[in-house]
Protein backbone atom coordinates (compact mmCIF):
# COMPACT_ATOMS: atom_id res chain seq x y z
CA MET A 1 -38.27 16.19 -33.09
CA PRO A 2 -39.07 18.25 -29.60
CA ILE A 3 -37.94 15.37 -27.40
CA LYS A 4 -34.63 13.67 -27.49
CA LEU A 5 -33.95 10.68 -25.12
CA ASN A 6 -30.51 9.27 -24.08
CA GLU A 7 -29.69 6.42 -21.67
CA GLU A 8 -26.73 6.81 -19.28
CA ASN A 9 -25.46 4.63 -16.69
CA LYS A 10 -26.44 1.37 -18.27
CA GLY A 11 -30.27 2.76 -18.56
CA GLN A 12 -30.42 3.57 -15.01
CA ILE A 13 -30.64 7.32 -15.71
CA LEU A 14 -32.85 8.61 -18.59
CA GLU A 15 -31.88 12.04 -19.87
CA VAL A 16 -34.55 13.84 -21.54
CA GLU A 17 -34.02 17.09 -23.71
CA VAL A 18 -37.32 18.81 -24.54
CA SER A 19 -37.53 21.79 -27.02
CA GLY A 20 -40.42 23.41 -28.66
CA LYS A 21 -43.95 22.33 -27.73
CA LEU A 22 -44.95 18.91 -26.69
CA VAL A 23 -47.48 17.06 -28.58
CA HIS A 24 -49.25 13.58 -27.78
CA GLU A 25 -46.98 11.63 -29.94
CA ASP A 26 -44.01 13.05 -28.39
CA PHE A 27 -45.33 12.11 -25.16
CA GLU A 28 -45.96 8.56 -26.06
CA ILE A 29 -42.20 8.22 -27.20
CA PHE A 30 -41.04 9.22 -23.93
CA ALA A 31 -43.48 7.11 -21.91
CA GLN A 32 -42.63 3.90 -24.19
CA ARG A 33 -38.66 4.37 -23.37
CA PHE A 34 -39.39 5.06 -19.75
CA ASP A 35 -41.35 2.02 -19.09
CA GLN A 36 -38.83 -0.10 -21.03
CA LEU A 37 -36.26 1.22 -18.31
CA ARG A 38 -38.28 0.90 -15.54
CA LYS A 39 -38.97 -2.80 -16.12
CA ARG A 40 -35.35 -3.36 -16.30
CA HIS A 41 -34.07 -1.40 -13.39
CA GLY A 42 -36.99 -0.65 -11.10
CA GLN A 43 -36.86 2.81 -9.91
CA ILE A 44 -34.85 5.10 -12.38
CA ARG A 45 -33.35 8.60 -12.39
CA VAL A 46 -34.30 11.21 -14.75
CA LEU A 47 -32.47 14.40 -15.99
CA CYS A 48 -35.10 16.72 -17.78
CA ASP A 49 -33.46 19.64 -19.70
CA ILE A 50 -36.15 22.29 -20.29
CA VAL A 51 -33.94 25.11 -21.27
CA ARG A 52 -35.72 25.18 -24.95
CA PHE A 53 -39.06 23.94 -23.57
CA ASP A 54 -42.10 26.13 -24.83
CA GLY A 55 -44.88 24.26 -23.20
CA TRP A 56 -47.54 21.62 -24.09
CA GLU A 57 -50.38 21.20 -26.52
CA ALA A 58 -53.56 20.40 -24.47
CA SER A 59 -53.45 16.63 -25.09
CA ALA A 60 -49.96 16.35 -23.88
CA VAL A 61 -50.76 18.14 -20.73
CA TRP A 62 -53.49 15.47 -20.13
CA ASP A 63 -50.80 12.81 -21.08
CA GLU A 64 -48.36 14.12 -18.58
CA ILE A 65 -50.86 14.11 -15.48
CA LYS A 66 -51.80 10.66 -16.19
CA TRP A 67 -48.48 9.42 -16.69
CA ASP A 68 -47.53 11.30 -13.44
CA VAL A 69 -50.07 9.75 -11.52
CA LYS A 70 -49.35 6.24 -13.00
CA HIS A 71 -45.48 6.59 -12.30
CA PHE A 72 -45.62 8.22 -8.87
CA SER A 73 -42.99 5.84 -7.26
CA ASP A 74 -41.08 5.03 -10.25
CA ILE A 75 -38.51 7.79 -10.20
CA ALA A 76 -35.80 7.90 -7.38
CA ARG A 77 -34.46 11.22 -8.52
CA LEU A 78 -35.59 14.07 -10.93
CA ALA A 79 -33.05 16.64 -11.99
CA VAL A 80 -34.68 19.64 -13.76
CA VAL A 81 -32.03 21.79 -15.90
CA GLY A 82 -33.58 24.92 -16.91
CA ALA A 83 -32.61 28.76 -17.62
CA LYS A 84 -35.59 30.66 -16.43
CA THR A 85 -37.75 31.32 -13.26
CA TRP A 86 -40.74 29.92 -14.65
CA GLU A 87 -38.88 26.62 -15.23
CA GLU A 88 -37.90 26.45 -11.69
CA GLN A 89 -41.72 26.95 -11.02
CA LEU A 90 -42.55 24.30 -13.33
CA SER A 91 -40.18 21.84 -11.33
CA LEU A 92 -42.13 22.70 -8.11
CA PHE A 93 -45.14 21.90 -9.79
CA CYS A 94 -44.08 18.31 -10.30
CA GLY A 95 -43.73 17.51 -6.47
CA PRO A 96 -47.27 16.43 -5.73
CA PHE A 97 -47.01 13.99 -8.62
CA THR A 98 -44.08 11.98 -7.56
CA SER A 99 -42.33 10.60 -4.59
CA ALA A 100 -38.82 11.28 -6.22
CA GLU A 101 -36.24 13.84 -4.74
CA ILE A 102 -36.32 16.71 -7.08
CA ARG A 103 -33.72 19.27 -7.67
CA TYR A 104 -33.61 22.32 -9.94
CA PHE A 105 -30.24 23.30 -11.53
CA ASP A 106 -29.50 26.26 -13.74
CA GLN A 107 -28.56 25.35 -17.27
CA THR A 108 -25.00 26.47 -16.12
CA ARG A 109 -24.91 23.75 -13.69
CA ALA A 110 -26.12 20.63 -16.08
CA SER A 111 -23.08 18.73 -15.18
CA ASP A 112 -23.61 18.96 -11.52
CA ALA A 113 -27.25 17.75 -12.10
CA ARG A 114 -25.77 14.68 -13.75
CA THR A 115 -23.23 14.01 -10.81
CA TRP A 116 -26.25 14.54 -8.41
CA LEU A 117 -28.23 11.81 -10.40
CA GLY A 118 -25.42 9.23 -10.30
CA GLY A 119 -24.74 9.84 -6.66
CA ARG A 120 -25.91 7.78 -3.70
CA LEU A 121 -29.42 8.20 -2.44
CA SER A 122 -28.61 10.08 0.95
CA GLY A 123 -29.47 13.10 2.78
CA PRO A 124 -29.66 16.64 0.99
CA GLN A 125 -26.41 18.25 0.17
CA VAL A 126 -26.92 21.49 -1.60
CA ALA A 127 -24.44 23.49 -3.89
CA ALA A 128 -24.68 26.82 -5.07
CA GLY A 129 -26.98 27.12 -8.21
CA GLU A 130 -29.25 24.28 -7.08
CA ARG A 131 -32.31 23.97 -5.03
CA ILE A 132 -33.96 21.00 -3.23
CA LEU A 133 -37.62 21.25 -4.37
CA PHE A 134 -39.05 18.16 -2.71
């Protein structure tokens, strides 16, 4: 399965590990789990690990865009963990589709991404190896 979901902090954080190429059915699984957590907690925080992500099939791209518009304000923080420059650029692409604070972390800093997600919502504090995107 190209998408693995894990709830942390009693469901207030959703960790999404994406590998391979996403298809429509994968995106539906993610959307259902996200909606369950959002109904329980309101805004949630998301860690998106895209180290082994290879892109989307066309239908899944459309699913992603529709989902982003629908859930514009449902994410408080989004931590994107990646390994390549294009992955950082992909996380920049997310900015206009969400009101979330977004930060990119190199794969060697995944634990820092989890720490940031669990922290208080406050002003920006940037460590080496992470970038504030929005």
